[in-house]
Amino acid sequence: MILPGKHLSPHRAIVGVGAEILAQLDRPRDVSELWERVRASRATLQQASPISFDWFVLALTFLYAIKAIDESGGLMRPAEPA
């Protein structure tokens, strides 16, 4: 579920969805805006299937847990390197 495997494509794995989220964080964004941007970018990919909001939030939570993103004032941004 976290990593792609034999039966899970990179576009469905949490790490893959997290990478798509990070690619959309060129500036601080709220969750709704980030969700819309990820959905729009996935719509342009041929191999990516739609994801649910639950899956998106799970990937967002994963990124926060590994300190890849920060949240401040309701806006998500990439974390500063330690």
C-alpha atoms as a PDB file:
ATOM      1  CA  MET A   1       0.000   0.000   0.000  1.00  0.00           C
ATOM      2  CA  ILE A   2       2.796   2.420   0.762  1.00  0.00           C
ATOM      3  CA  LEU A   3       5.182   1.192  -1.892  1.00  0.00           C
ATOM      4  CA  PRO A   4       4.343   0.012  -5.407  1.00  0.00           C
ATOM      5  CA  GLY A   5       4.517  -3.702  -5.964  1.00  0.00           C
ATOM      6  CA  LYS A   6       3.487  -6.512  -8.222  1.00  0.00           C
ATOM      7  CA  HIS A   7      -0.215  -5.779  -7.798  1.00  0.00           C
ATOM      8  CA  LEU A   8      -0.049  -2.047  -6.995  1.00  0.00           C
ATOM      9  CA  SER A   9       1.022   0.503  -9.601  1.00  0.00           C
ATOM     10  CA  PRO A  10       3.162   3.500  -8.619  1.00  0.00           C
ATOM     11  CA  HIS A  11       0.204   5.762  -9.370  1.00  0.00           C
ATOM     12  CA  ARG A  12      -1.865   4.025  -6.657  1.00  0.00           C
ATOM     13  CA  ALA A  13       0.853   3.581  -4.023  1.00  0.00           C
ATOM     14  CA  ILE A  14       0.956   6.121  -1.201  1.00  0.00           C
ATOM     15  CA  VAL A  15       4.515   7.080  -2.147  1.00  0.00           C
ATOM     16  CA  GLY A  16       3.457   7.727  -5.743  1.00  0.00           C
ATOM     17  CA  VAL A  17       0.444   9.801  -4.754  1.00  0.00           C
ATOM     18  CA  GLY A  18       2.673  11.649  -2.269  1.00  0.00           C
ATOM     19  CA  ALA A  19       5.091  12.481  -5.070  1.00  0.00           C
ATOM     20  CA  GLU A  20       2.206  13.926  -7.084  1.00  0.00           C
ATOM     21  CA  ILE A  21       1.177  16.016  -4.086  1.00  0.00           C
ATOM     22  CA  LEU A  22       4.708  17.336  -3.615  1.00  0.00           C
ATOM     23  CA  ALA A  23       4.866  18.220  -7.317  1.00  0.00           C
ATOM     24  CA  GLN A  24       1.814  20.470  -6.825  1.00  0.00           C
ATOM     25  CA  LEU A  25       3.283  22.311  -3.844  1.00  0.00           C
ATOM     26  CA  ASP A  26       5.182  24.957  -5.793  1.00  0.00           C
ATOM     27  CA  ARG A  27       3.653  27.419  -3.332  1.00  0.00           C
ATOM     28  CA  PRO A  28       1.628  26.989  -0.110  1.00  0.00           C
ATOM     29  CA  ARG A  29      -1.849  25.634  -0.842  1.00  0.00           C
ATOM     30  CA  ASP A  30      -4.877  24.642   1.207  1.00  0.00           C
ATOM     31  CA  VAL A  31      -6.120  21.059   1.131  1.00  0.00           C
ATOM     32  CA  SER A  32      -9.023  21.753  -1.235  1.00  0.00           C
ATOM     33  CA  GLU A  33      -6.842  23.524  -3.777  1.00  0.00           C
ATOM     34  CA  LEU A  34      -4.213  20.797  -3.529  1.00  0.00           C
ATOM     35  CA  TRP A  35      -6.863  18.097  -4.024  1.00  0.00           C
ATOM     36  CA  GLU A  36      -8.192  19.806  -7.152  1.00  0.00           C
ATOM     37  CA  ARG A  37      -4.695  20.224  -8.595  1.00  0.00           C
ATOM     38  CA  VAL A  38      -3.774  16.578  -7.960  1.00  0.00           C
ATOM     39  CA  ARG A  39      -7.042  15.399  -9.523  1.00  0.00           C
ATOM     40  CA  ALA A  40      -6.461  17.615 -12.567  1.00  0.00           C
ATOM     41  CA  SER A  41      -2.898  16.424 -13.026  1.00  0.00           C
ATOM     42  CA  ARG A  42      -3.946  12.770 -12.692  1.00  0.00           C
ATOM     43  CA  ALA A  43      -6.614  13.286 -15.358  1.00  0.00           C
ATOM     44  CA  THR A  44      -3.857  14.061 -17.874  1.00  0.00           C
ATOM     45  CA  LEU A  45      -1.933  10.845 -17.158  1.00  0.00           C
ATOM     46  CA  GLN A  46      -2.787   7.786 -19.223  1.00  0.00           C
ATOM     47  CA  GLN A  47      -1.927   5.143 -16.625  1.00  0.00           C
ATOM     48  CA  ALA A  48      -3.233   6.899 -13.530  1.00  0.00           C
ATOM     49  CA  SER A  49      -6.650   5.906 -12.303  1.00  0.00           C
ATOM     50  CA  PRO A  50      -8.770   8.281 -10.246  1.00  0.00           C
ATOM     51  CA  ILE A  51      -8.135   8.257  -6.509  1.00  0.00           C
ATOM     52  CA  SER A  52     -10.588   8.883  -3.721  1.00  0.00           C
ATOM     53  CA  PHE A  53     -10.293  11.815  -1.357  1.00  0.00           C
ATOM     54  CA  ASP A  54      -9.602   9.285   1.415  1.00  0.00           C
ATOM     55  CA  TRP A  55      -6.576   7.991  -0.496  1.00  0.00           C
ATOM     56  CA  PHE A  56      -5.396  11.578  -1.063  1.00  0.00           C
ATOM     57  CA  VAL A  57      -5.696  12.365   2.659  1.00  0.00           C
ATOM     58  CA  LEU A  58      -3.838   9.161   3.511  1.00  0.00           C
ATOM     59  CA  ALA A  59      -0.963  10.253   1.254  1.00  0.00           C
ATOM     60  CA  LEU A  60      -1.059  13.744   2.745  1.00  0.00           C
ATOM     61  CA  THR A  61      -0.917  12.265   6.247  1.00  0.00           C
ATOM     62  CA  PHE A  62       1.993  10.064   5.209  1.00  0.00           C
ATOM     63  CA  LEU A  63       3.900  13.107   3.909  1.00  0.00           C
ATOM     64  CA  TYR A  64       3.241  14.940   7.176  1.00  0.00           C
ATOM     65  CA  ALA A  65       4.323  11.919   9.251  1.00  0.00           C
ATOM     66  CA  ILE A  66       7.665  11.674   7.462  1.00  0.00           C
ATOM     67  CA  LYS A  67       8.056  15.467   7.771  1.00  0.00           C
ATOM     68  CA  ALA A  68       8.020  16.049   4.018  1.00  0.00           C
ATOM     69  CA  ILE A  69       5.356  18.761   4.343  1.00  0.00           C
ATOM     70  CA  ASP A  70       4.417  21.338   6.959  1.00  0.00           C
ATOM     71  CA  GLU A  71       1.064  22.904   7.723  1.00  0.00           C
ATOM     72  CA  SER A  72       0.657  26.476   8.905  1.00  0.00           C
ATOM     73  CA  GLY A  73      -2.522  28.520   8.918  1.00  0.00           C
ATOM     74  CA  GLY A  74      -4.362  25.871   6.926  1.00  0.00           C
ATOM     75  CA  LEU A  75      -1.779  25.916   4.132  1.00  0.00           C
ATOM     76  CA  MET A  76       0.432  22.985   3.152  1.00  0.00           C
ATOM     77  CA  ARG A  77       4.001  23.596   2.055  1.00  0.00           C
ATOM     78  CA  PRO A  78       7.093  21.452   1.530  1.00  0.00           C
ATOM     79  CA  ALA A  79       9.100  21.109   4.732  1.00  0.00           C
ATOM     80  CA  GLU A  80      12.401  22.871   5.083  1.00  0.00           C
ATOM     81  CA  PRO A  81      15.373  20.501   5.016  1.00  0.00           C
ATOM     82  CA  ALA A  82      16.683  19.790   8.518  1.00  0.00           C
END
